[in-house]
Amino acid sequence: MTPIRLRRHELTFQPESARVIIRPFIPSEAWRVASILDRALALSDEDAAAQWQALHTDFASRHFDIESLLLAQYEKVRPRIPRHRDLPRGRQLLIGALFSGEYALESAALFNPSIVAHPDQSHVPEGGLRFIMSLRATGEGHISSIEFRTGIIFRDGAVSVEPVSRFVTTPEVVPNPTYYKRRFLMKLQEMGLANTHAAAVMDTLPESFNLQQLDESVNRVRQQFKPVRSDLRRALECIRWLADSNYELLFSPRLAMSERIIFPVSPNESNGIEDARFVRFVDDDGSVMYCATYTAYNGRVVLPQLIETEDFLHFRVLTLNGSAVQNKGMALFPRRINGRYAMLSRQDDENLYLMFSDKAHHWSDPQLLMRPVEMWESVKIGNCGSPIETEAGWLVITHGVGPMRKYCIGAALLDLNDPSKVIGRLKEPLISPPDSSEREGYVPNVVYSCGSMLHGRELILPYAMSDKVTAIATVSLDDLLAALKA
């Protein structure tokens, strides 16, 4: 059999500790907050202004509009200031800085990439393709977020990436998002909250409601059933938790792609947004939506969620529903199959499953698709992103875990009309960590990807090396299909 032509590009995506955001640094103990405020308020106006000017000199060049960021932190503690005193702007900024800290988003790693065609293909050289790559960035405390890069794949297969900005910016969290009642009720039922308390909140809401309307209904029920018993308190807390887990983000169009960062917002992802698998989904009517499944992690439990965006500026984050929404590694097919959505998943932390659904947000009834077969995947298998449509079938890039927890990248081919039929699988890995340049890192002996794409007859496969750094390989599609069909 002809060897599969694989080209490892010299281009790598390295973590950069200097890319930082400002995060709250507020003690949990009320007395400590009060002590810090007392010291700040004891300064004269002149000393407070001087302290702020020194901070501005030290930190302003590291952030876009640092004053707005620090004033936002000041507003979080302003209610604790005695009699809500009106303070000079300089002292407000100093107080905001006292309750803030920098966080280096990618100081530990920049890994687990996925890649899609950019929605804007204007001014691209003939035969080229502009792409967006998502990356999992990890910093102190192993908190993960999503970063982006953009570049061009040229006709000859060369890859260039736009310069990466020194700055990163978190988006505006839309303050009053909308929800769909049927979806909301379905998730409450899965959470075991289909009871009279939940019904009392939800019954008066319209089919499409916003956060303000939900809060008003929650407060009405809380007043109606005083004193509030523990079961009611739990129901109301869970309803608000679910609302906080579904949110919208908005970036300024003035920001370069590398300046946009999606950092954890909701309680269920407080310890990280992990392994986003982006796919360009084309619906039956021709409309395009960029979707990503990802794993929300709160330090104890993982929860698969969904991101939707049309332009990489406005993002909608949604909980997924259904009995099969569990474990990691859900990957959406890029179009419907016979009128239904399709998804790869791993239900049992060992095998690869296939699911179909009439709704993109509800998944159940998984069917076993592939078990581990070869020794290099004998511990468990999973997908490395959404399937790719080819004339020969659905190309699925897989990962396999074998002896010594070594991760390798493989491939399989599924029938176009019935993807439950496996046409072929590689017996040997497509990519494995061959030497110290790829096997040493935060987690050794790992190569891993969250999504690849086609450019002509080449597979563009970005992959992470040992959960530290990201690289790009290109693979001959014809060679790969020949090996799979053989």
Protein backbone atom coordinates (compact mmCIF):
# COMPACT_ATOMS: atom_id res chain seq x y z
CA MET A 1 0.00 0.00 0.00
CA THR A 2 1.26 3.50 -0.86
CA PRO A 3 2.36 5.39 2.27
CA ILE A 4 0.16 8.30 3.31
CA ARG A 5 1.88 11.58 2.48
CA LEU A 6 1.95 13.71 5.62
CA ARG A 7 3.70 17.07 5.89
CA ARG A 8 4.48 18.61 9.26
CA HIS A 9 4.69 22.38 8.89
CA GLU A 10 7.32 24.31 10.80
CA LEU A 11 4.68 26.75 12.02
CA THR A 12 3.73 26.33 15.70
CA PHE A 13 1.42 28.18 18.08
CA GLN A 14 3.30 28.79 21.31
CA PRO A 15 1.78 29.94 24.63
CA GLU A 16 2.62 33.54 25.49
CA SER A 17 2.59 34.58 29.15
CA ALA A 18 2.39 38.30 28.33
CA ARG A 19 -1.19 38.03 27.02
CA VAL A 20 -3.24 38.91 30.11
CA ILE A 21 -6.75 39.95 31.14
CA ILE A 22 -7.97 41.63 34.34
CA ARG A 23 -10.01 39.44 36.69
CA PRO A 24 -11.67 40.16 40.05
CA PHE A 25 -9.45 39.61 43.08
CA ILE A 26 -12.01 40.06 45.85
CA PRO A 27 -11.60 38.22 49.19
CA SER A 28 -14.53 36.07 50.23
CA GLU A 29 -14.43 37.36 53.82
CA ALA A 30 -16.38 40.60 54.32
CA TRP A 31 -13.98 41.83 57.01
CA ARG A 32 -11.03 41.62 54.60
CA VAL A 33 -12.89 43.63 51.98
CA ALA A 34 -13.72 46.21 54.63
CA SER A 35 -10.08 46.40 55.78
CA ILE A 36 -8.82 46.99 52.25
CA LEU A 37 -11.44 49.69 51.69
CA ASP A 38 -10.57 51.37 54.99
CA ARG A 39 -6.92 51.65 53.98
CA ALA A 40 -7.83 53.05 50.55
CA LEU A 41 -10.28 55.56 52.04
CA ALA A 42 -7.75 56.72 54.65
CA LEU A 43 -5.45 58.15 51.96
CA SER A 44 -5.60 61.83 51.13
CA ASP A 45 -6.94 62.72 47.69
CA GLU A 46 -3.41 63.68 46.63
CA ASP A 47 -1.90 60.38 47.78
CA ALA A 48 -4.71 58.35 46.16
CA ALA A 49 -4.20 60.20 42.86
CA ALA A 50 -0.44 59.64 43.03
CA GLN A 51 -0.90 55.94 43.72
CA TRP A 52 -3.25 55.66 40.76
CA GLN A 53 -0.83 57.47 38.45
CA ALA A 54 1.94 55.05 39.41
CA LEU A 55 -0.36 52.09 38.68
CA HIS A 56 -1.39 53.62 35.36
CA THR A 57 2.24 53.97 34.32
CA ASP A 58 2.92 50.37 35.29
CA PHE A 59 -0.13 48.64 33.76
CA ALA A 60 -1.89 50.81 31.16
CA SER A 61 0.22 49.58 28.24
CA ARG A 62 -0.82 45.98 28.97
CA HIS A 63 -4.57 46.48 28.41
CA PHE A 64 -7.08 48.17 26.13
CA ASP A 65 -8.78 50.96 28.12
CA ILE A 66 -7.60 49.89 31.57
CA GLU A 67 -9.70 52.58 33.26
CA SER A 68 -13.00 51.07 32.11
CA LEU A 69 -11.86 47.64 33.31
CA LEU A 70 -10.90 48.90 36.77
CA LEU A 71 -14.03 51.00 37.16
CA ALA A 72 -16.05 47.84 36.50
CA GLN A 73 -14.22 46.16 39.39
CA TYR A 74 -14.81 49.23 41.59
CA GLU A 75 -18.57 48.95 40.98
CA LYS A 76 -18.52 45.42 42.45
CA VAL A 77 -17.36 46.71 45.84
CA ARG A 78 -18.93 50.19 45.79
CA PRO A 79 -22.04 49.07 47.77
CA ARG A 80 -19.68 48.16 50.66
CA ILE A 81 -18.31 51.70 50.91
CA PRO A 82 -19.86 53.51 53.90
CA ARG A 83 -22.80 55.63 52.80
CA HIS A 84 -21.79 55.03 49.15
CA ARG A 85 -19.54 58.09 49.24
CA ASP A 86 -18.89 59.94 46.00
CA LEU A 87 -15.18 59.51 45.39
CA PRO A 88 -12.82 61.19 42.93
CA ARG A 89 -12.18 59.14 39.79
CA GLY A 90 -8.55 58.52 40.76
CA ARG A 91 -9.54 56.95 44.08
CA GLN A 92 -12.22 54.83 42.35
CA LEU A 93 -9.59 53.51 39.96
CA LEU A 94 -7.20 52.76 42.80
CA ILE A 95 -9.92 50.83 44.66
CA GLY A 96 -10.74 48.95 41.46
CA ALA A 97 -7.06 47.98 41.16
CA LEU A 98 -6.96 46.79 44.79
CA PHE A 99 -9.68 44.27 43.94
CA SER A 100 -8.21 43.20 40.58
CA GLY A 101 -5.45 40.97 39.29
CA GLU A 102 -3.95 40.01 35.96
CA TYR A 103 -4.50 36.51 34.60
CA ALA A 104 -2.19 35.06 31.95
CA LEU A 105 -4.65 33.10 29.79
CA GLU A 106 -2.18 30.87 27.97
CA SER A 107 0.79 30.82 30.34
CA ALA A 108 0.58 27.02 30.71
CA ALA A 109 -0.54 25.83 27.27
CA LEU A 110 -2.12 26.64 23.92
CA PHE A 111 -3.51 23.42 22.52
CA ASN A 112 -6.40 21.25 21.24
CA PRO A 113 -7.19 23.25 18.08
CA SER A 114 -10.06 23.13 15.62
CA ILE A 115 -10.18 24.87 12.23
CA VAL A 116 -12.97 26.16 9.94
CA ALA A 117 -13.25 28.31 6.84
CA HIS A 118 -13.48 32.00 7.71
CA PRO A 119 -16.88 33.62 6.94
CA ASP A 120 -14.96 36.39 5.09
CA GLN A 121 -13.08 35.11 2.03
CA SER A 122 -12.55 38.53 0.41
CA HIS A 123 -9.11 39.44 -0.97
CA VAL A 124 -7.78 35.90 -0.59
CA PRO A 125 -5.21 34.93 -3.26
CA GLU A 126 -6.59 32.68 -6.02
CA GLY A 127 -6.70 29.09 -4.88
CA GLY A 128 -6.27 30.10 -1.24
CA LEU A 129 -8.56 29.85 1.78
CA ARG A 130 -8.79 32.04 4.87
CA PHE A 131 -9.36 30.07 8.07
CA ILE A 132 -10.20 30.58 11.73
CA MET A 133 -8.52 28.34 14.27
CA SER A 134 -9.84 27.97 17.80
CA LEU A 135 -7.41 27.03 20.56
CA ARG A 136 -7.77 25.97 24.16
CA ALA A 137 -5.70 28.35 26.28
CA THR A 138 -4.80 27.32 29.82
CA GLY A 139 -3.30 29.44 32.59
CA GLU A 140 -2.87 29.45 36.37
CA GLY A 141 -5.14 26.96 38.12
CA HIS A 142 -5.65 25.07 34.85
CA ILE A 143 -8.57 27.32 33.90
CA SER A 144 -9.24 26.96 30.17
CA SER A 145 -10.69 29.47 27.73
CA ILE A 146 -11.10 29.78 23.95
CA GLU A 147 -8.78 31.88 21.81
CA PHE A 148 -8.74 32.39 18.04
CA ARG A 149 -6.19 32.78 15.27
CA THR A 150 -6.72 33.45 11.58
CA GLY A 151 -4.58 32.88 8.53
CA ILE A 152 -4.49 31.71 4.91
CA ILE A 153 -3.78 28.36 3.28
CA PHE A 154 -2.31 29.03 -0.16
CA ARG A 155 -2.76 27.10 -3.38
CA ASP A 156 0.61 25.36 -2.93
CA GLY A 157 -0.26 24.23 0.61
CA ALA A 158 1.79 26.84 2.44
CA VAL A 159 0.19 28.27 5.58
CA SER A 160 0.54 31.78 6.95
CA VAL A 161 -0.96 33.19 10.15
CA GLU A 162 -1.85 36.80 10.90
CA PRO A 163 0.34 38.43 13.56
CA VAL A 164 -0.92 37.81 17.08
CA SER A 165 -1.89 40.91 19.03
CA ARG A 166 -0.26 41.69 22.36
CA PHE A 167 -3.74 42.37 23.79
CA VAL A 168 -6.69 40.13 24.62
CA THR A 169 -10.21 41.30 25.43
CA THR A 170 -13.18 39.52 26.95
CA PRO A 171 -16.57 40.20 25.37
CA GLU A 172 -19.57 42.00 26.75
CA VAL A 173 -21.97 39.57 28.40
CA VAL A 174 -25.41 40.48 27.04
CA PRO A 175 -27.26 41.59 30.21
CA ASN A 176 -30.78 40.38 29.39
CA PRO A 177 -30.60 37.26 27.17
CA THR A 178 -33.66 35.45 25.83
CA TYR A 179 -34.70 31.85 26.48
CA TYR A 180 -37.11 29.38 24.90
CA LYS A 181 -39.65 27.97 27.33
CA ARG A 182 -39.90 24.47 25.86
CA ARG A 183 -36.12 23.99 25.92
CA PHE A 184 -35.87 25.42 29.42
CA LEU A 185 -38.58 23.09 30.75
CA MET A 186 -36.94 20.09 29.11
CA LYS A 187 -33.67 20.78 30.92
CA LEU A 188 -35.45 21.35 34.25
CA GLN A 189 -37.10 17.95 33.85
CA GLU A 190 -33.71 16.31 33.24
CA MET A 191 -32.45 18.01 36.40
CA GLY A 192 -35.29 16.44 38.39
CA LEU A 193 -37.10 19.74 38.86
CA ALA A 194 -40.40 19.03 37.11
CA ASN A 195 -42.32 19.91 40.28
CA THR A 196 -44.89 22.40 41.49
CA HIS A 197 -42.24 24.97 42.40
CA ALA A 198 -40.76 25.01 38.90
CA ALA A 199 -44.24 25.05 37.39
CA ALA A 200 -45.17 28.07 39.51
CA VAL A 201 -42.23 29.97 38.03
CA MET A 202 -42.58 28.81 34.43
CA ASP A 203 -46.35 28.75 33.87
CA THR A 204 -46.73 32.53 33.72
CA LEU A 205 -43.82 33.05 31.29
CA PRO A 206 -44.35 33.40 27.53
CA GLU A 207 -42.87 30.95 25.01
CA SER A 208 -39.90 33.27 24.55
CA PHE A 209 -38.84 35.14 27.69
CA ASN A 210 -35.85 37.12 28.92
CA LEU A 211 -33.82 37.07 32.12
CA GLN A 212 -35.68 40.02 33.63
CA GLN A 213 -39.02 38.28 33.17
CA LEU A 214 -37.62 35.10 34.71
CA ASP A 215 -36.27 36.97 37.74
CA GLU A 216 -39.62 38.71 38.23
CA SER A 217 -41.39 35.34 38.20
CA VAL A 218 -38.87 33.82 40.63
CA ASN A 219 -39.31 36.75 43.04
CA ARG A 220 -43.10 36.49 42.80
CA VAL A 221 -42.99 32.79 43.73
CA ARG A 222 -40.53 33.49 46.58
CA GLN A 223 -42.95 36.06 48.02
CA GLN A 224 -45.97 33.83 47.49
CA PHE A 225 -44.58 30.83 49.40
CA LYS A 226 -43.09 32.47 52.48
CA PRO A 227 -41.47 31.18 54.59
CA VAL A 228 -39.19 29.71 51.90
CA ARG A 229 -38.57 26.02 52.57
CA SER A 230 -35.38 24.23 51.53
CA ASP A 231 -36.99 22.42 48.57
CA LEU A 232 -38.31 25.69 47.15
CA ARG A 233 -34.98 27.43 47.73
CA ARG A 234 -33.18 24.64 45.84
CA ALA A 235 -35.64 24.80 42.93
CA LEU A 236 -35.27 28.58 42.59
CA GLU A 237 -31.46 28.36 42.81
CA CYS A 238 -31.37 25.66 40.11
CA ILE A 239 -33.63 27.69 37.82
CA ARG A 240 -31.29 30.65 38.10
CA TRP A 241 -28.25 28.37 37.62
CA LEU A 242 -29.77 27.08 34.39
CA ALA A 243 -30.46 30.63 33.21
CA ASP A 244 -26.86 31.65 33.96
CA SER A 245 -25.61 28.64 31.96
CA ASN A 246 -27.31 29.99 28.81
CA TYR A 247 -25.88 33.35 27.86
CA GLU A 248 -24.83 35.59 24.98
CA LEU A 249 -21.50 37.29 24.28
CA LEU A 250 -20.72 40.24 22.05
CA PHE A 251 -17.28 41.36 20.78
CA SER A 252 -16.52 44.72 19.21
CA PRO A 253 -15.88 44.40 15.44
CA ARG A 254 -12.81 46.57 15.97
CA LEU A 255 -11.05 43.69 17.72
CA ALA A 256 -8.71 41.48 15.69
CA MET A 257 -9.51 37.77 15.82
CA SER A 258 -6.52 37.05 18.08
CA GLU A 259 -7.75 39.72 20.55
CA ARG A 260 -11.05 37.90 21.23
CA ILE A 261 -11.14 35.57 24.20
CA ILE A 262 -14.08 33.53 25.49
CA PHE A 263 -13.44 33.15 29.22
CA PRO A 264 -15.68 31.16 31.62
CA VAL A 265 -18.87 33.04 32.52
CA SER A 266 -21.34 30.62 34.09
CA PRO A 267 -20.93 28.61 37.34
CA ASN A 268 -20.87 25.28 35.50
CA GLU A 269 -17.69 26.28 33.61
CA SER A 270 -15.92 28.05 36.47
CA ASN A 271 -12.89 25.78 36.07
CA GLY A 272 -12.75 25.94 32.32
CA ILE A 273 -14.12 25.82 28.79
CA GLU A 274 -12.46 22.76 27.32
CA ASP A 275 -11.88 21.37 23.82
CA ALA A 276 -14.23 23.37 21.60
CA ARG A 277 -14.95 21.47 18.37
CA PHE A 278 -16.00 24.10 15.83
CA VAL A 279 -17.78 23.13 12.60
CA ARG A 280 -19.27 25.14 9.75
CA PHE A 281 -22.84 23.80 9.73
CA VAL A 282 -24.86 24.30 6.54
CA ASP A 283 -28.59 23.70 7.00
CA ASP A 284 -30.95 22.38 4.32
CA ASP A 285 -32.03 25.93 3.39
CA GLY A 286 -28.41 26.96 2.75
CA SER A 287 -28.03 29.05 5.92
CA VAL A 288 -24.66 28.80 7.67
CA MET A 289 -24.03 28.65 11.42
CA TYR A 290 -20.68 28.04 13.08
CA CYS A 291 -21.29 25.63 15.95
CA ALA A 292 -18.99 24.28 18.61
CA THR A 293 -19.55 21.63 21.21
CA TYR A 294 -17.35 22.05 24.28
CA THR A 295 -16.97 20.68 27.78
CA ALA A 296 -17.89 22.96 30.68
CA TYR A 297 -16.04 22.02 33.88
CA ASN A 298 -16.70 23.35 37.38
CA GLY A 299 -13.99 21.37 39.16
CA ARG A 300 -16.26 18.39 39.87
CA VAL A 301 -18.60 17.73 36.95
CA VAL A 302 -18.25 17.96 33.16
CA LEU A 303 -21.21 19.21 31.13
CA PRO A 304 -21.30 19.29 27.30
CA GLN A 305 -22.52 22.64 25.94
CA LEU A 306 -23.02 24.29 22.56
CA ILE A 307 -21.79 27.57 21.08
CA GLU A 308 -23.46 29.16 18.05
CA THR A 309 -22.20 32.12 16.01
CA GLU A 310 -22.61 33.46 12.50
CA ASP A 311 -19.77 35.99 12.53
CA PHE A 312 -17.42 35.23 15.49
CA LEU A 313 -18.60 38.48 17.08
CA HIS A 314 -21.96 37.48 18.58
CA PHE A 315 -21.90 34.12 20.38
CA ARG A 316 -24.79 32.28 21.98
CA VAL A 317 -23.90 29.66 24.62
CA LEU A 318 -26.52 26.98 25.30
CA THR A 319 -26.96 23.91 27.45
CA LEU A 320 -27.63 20.68 25.57
CA ASN A 321 -30.56 18.47 26.55
CA GLY A 322 -31.25 14.76 26.48
CA SER A 323 -30.15 11.54 28.17
CA ALA A 324 -27.11 11.19 25.87
CA VAL A 325 -25.63 14.57 26.81
CA GLN A 326 -22.77 13.31 28.95
CA ASN A 327 -19.04 12.65 28.92
CA LYS A 328 -16.65 14.53 26.64
CA GLY A 329 -16.06 14.76 22.92
CA MET A 330 -19.40 15.45 21.25
CA ALA A 331 -18.91 16.45 17.58
CA LEU A 332 -21.69 17.67 15.28
CA PHE A 333 -21.84 16.60 11.62
CA PRO A 334 -21.59 19.62 9.23
CA ARG A 335 -25.06 19.08 7.76
CA ARG A 336 -28.25 17.12 8.34
CA ILE A 337 -28.39 13.52 7.14
CA ASN A 338 -31.75 12.44 5.75
CA GLY A 339 -33.32 15.47 7.40
CA ARG A 340 -31.89 14.83 10.88
CA TYR A 341 -28.97 16.24 12.83
CA ALA A 342 -26.16 13.81 13.56
CA MET A 343 -23.55 13.80 16.32
CA LEU A 344 -20.57 11.69 17.37
CA SER A 345 -20.15 11.16 21.10
CA ARG A 346 -18.47 9.03 23.73
CA GLN A 347 -20.93 7.78 26.31
CA ASP A 348 -18.77 5.41 28.33
CA ASP A 349 -15.22 6.85 28.18
CA GLU A 350 -14.16 3.99 25.92
CA ASN A 351 -16.13 3.63 22.67
CA LEU A 352 -17.34 5.97 19.91
CA TYR A 353 -21.10 6.43 19.48
CA LEU A 354 -23.43 7.94 16.86
CA MET A 355 -26.67 9.84 17.56
CA PHE A 356 -29.43 11.35 15.43
CA SER A 357 -31.92 14.02 16.46
CA ASP A 358 -34.67 16.22 15.04
CA LYS A 359 -33.40 19.05 17.25
CA ALA A 360 -29.83 20.36 17.45
CA HIS A 361 -30.13 20.86 21.22
CA HIS A 362 -31.60 17.50 22.29
CA TRP A 363 -29.76 14.18 22.09
CA SER A 364 -30.71 10.67 23.17
CA ASP A 365 -30.58 7.04 21.94
CA PRO A 366 -26.86 6.72 21.14
CA GLN A 367 -25.80 3.71 19.09
CA LEU A 368 -22.40 2.09 19.32
CA LEU A 369 -20.29 2.98 16.28
CA MET A 370 -16.71 1.83 16.95
CA ARG A 371 -14.86 -0.04 19.67
CA PRO A 372 -11.11 -0.05 20.23
CA VAL A 373 -9.47 -2.58 17.91
CA GLU A 374 -5.73 -1.92 17.52
CA MET A 375 -3.24 -1.87 20.39
CA TRP A 376 -2.53 1.88 19.98
CA GLU A 377 -6.23 2.57 20.73
CA SER A 378 -6.86 -0.31 23.12
CA VAL A 379 -7.62 1.82 26.20
CA LYS A 380 -10.22 4.08 24.54
CA ILE A 381 -11.09 5.89 21.34
CA GLY A 382 -12.79 9.17 20.53
CA ASN A 383 -13.16 11.72 17.76
CA CYS A 384 -10.81 14.55 16.85
CA GLY A 385 -13.57 16.85 15.66
CA SER A 386 -16.56 16.86 13.37
CA PRO A 387 -16.73 14.44 10.42
CA ILE A 388 -15.64 15.78 7.03
CA GLU A 389 -17.69 15.07 3.93
CA THR A 390 -15.80 13.49 1.00
CA GLU A 391 -16.98 11.75 -2.15
CA ALA A 392 -16.00 8.42 -0.57
CA GLY A 393 -17.80 8.93 2.75
CA TRP A 394 -17.60 10.79 6.03
CA LEU A 395 -13.97 11.12 7.06
CA VAL A 396 -13.63 10.93 10.86
CA ILE A 397 -10.32 11.83 12.43
CA THR A 398 -10.06 9.81 15.64
CA HIS A 399 -7.82 9.63 18.65
CA GLY A 400 -6.78 6.45 20.38
CA VAL A 401 -5.24 5.89 23.79
CA GLY A 402 -2.92 2.93 24.21
CA PRO A 403 -0.20 1.63 26.54
CA MET A 404 1.45 4.22 28.82
CA ARG A 405 -1.50 6.57 28.11
CA LYS A 406 -0.03 7.41 24.72
CA TYR A 407 -2.46 9.35 22.51
CA CYS A 408 -2.30 8.86 18.73
CA ILE A 409 -4.39 10.27 15.88
CA GLY A 410 -6.10 7.86 13.49
CA ALA A 411 -8.90 7.95 10.91
CA ALA A 412 -12.08 6.13 9.91
CA LEU A 413 -14.52 6.34 7.01
CA LEU A 414 -18.32 6.19 7.37
CA ASP A 415 -21.01 5.71 4.73
CA LEU A 416 -22.37 9.04 3.44
CA ASN A 417 -26.05 8.11 3.61
CA ASP A 418 -25.83 5.81 6.63
CA PRO A 419 -22.92 6.84 8.86
CA SER A 420 -23.65 3.95 11.21
CA LYS A 421 -21.80 1.83 8.60
CA VAL A 422 -18.01 1.92 9.05
CA ILE A 423 -16.34 1.54 5.65
CA GLY A 424 -12.76 1.51 6.86
CA ARG A 425 -10.31 2.30 9.67
CA LEU A 426 -6.57 2.85 9.72
CA LYS A 427 -4.64 0.00 11.29
CA GLU A 428 -1.70 2.27 12.12
CA PRO A 429 -1.83 5.82 13.55
CA LEU A 430 -1.86 8.74 11.16
CA ILE A 431 0.13 10.82 13.68
CA SER A 432 1.85 9.67 16.85
CA PRO A 433 4.29 11.50 19.13
CA PRO A 434 7.54 10.26 17.55
CA ASP A 435 10.29 12.08 19.45
CA SER A 436 11.00 14.55 22.24
CA SER A 437 9.76 17.52 20.19
CA GLU A 438 6.18 16.22 20.36
CA ARG A 439 6.09 13.84 23.30
CA GLU A 440 7.40 16.12 26.07
CA GLY A 441 5.08 18.69 27.61
CA TYR A 442 2.41 19.35 30.21
CA VAL A 443 0.91 15.90 29.52
CA PRO A 444 3.56 13.74 27.79
CA ASN A 445 3.01 11.36 24.87
CA VAL A 446 -0.11 13.08 23.49
CA VAL A 447 -1.11 14.31 20.04
CA TYR A 448 -4.70 15.53 19.84
CA SER A 449 -6.98 17.61 17.63
CA CYS A 450 -10.49 19.05 17.93
CA GLY A 451 -11.15 19.62 14.23
CA SER A 452 -9.67 19.63 10.74
CA MET A 453 -10.81 20.75 7.27
CA LEU A 454 -10.26 20.16 3.56
CA HIS A 455 -8.49 22.49 1.15
CA GLY A 456 -8.66 20.98 -2.30
CA ARG A 457 -7.26 17.46 -2.04
CA GLU A 458 -5.38 18.16 1.20
CA LEU A 459 -6.55 17.58 4.76
CA ILE A 460 -5.49 20.48 6.99
CA LEU A 461 -4.98 18.94 10.42
CA PRO A 462 -3.94 21.18 13.33
CA TYR A 463 -2.97 19.19 16.39
CA ALA A 464 -1.66 19.73 19.90
CA MET A 465 1.61 18.29 21.12
CA SER A 466 1.54 17.00 24.71
CA ASP A 467 -1.07 19.55 25.84
CA LYS A 468 1.42 22.38 25.44
CA VAL A 469 1.91 23.66 21.88
CA THR A 470 -0.07 23.45 18.63
CA ALA A 471 1.27 22.49 15.19
CA ILE A 472 -0.22 21.92 11.73
CA ALA A 473 0.09 18.92 9.43
CA THR A 474 -1.31 18.47 5.92
CA VAL A 475 -2.26 15.06 4.62
CA SER A 476 -2.98 13.89 1.09
CA LEU A 477 -6.73 13.16 0.99
CA ASP A 478 -6.29 10.71 -1.89
CA ASP A 479 -3.68 8.72 0.02
CA LEU A 480 -5.81 8.70 3.15
CA LEU A 481 -8.99 7.58 1.37
CA ALA A 482 -7.08 4.86 -0.48
CA ALA A 483 -5.73 3.53 2.81
CA LEU A 484 -9.16 3.64 4.43
CA LYS A 485 -10.91 1.89 1.54
CA ALA A 486 -8.20 -0.75 1.36
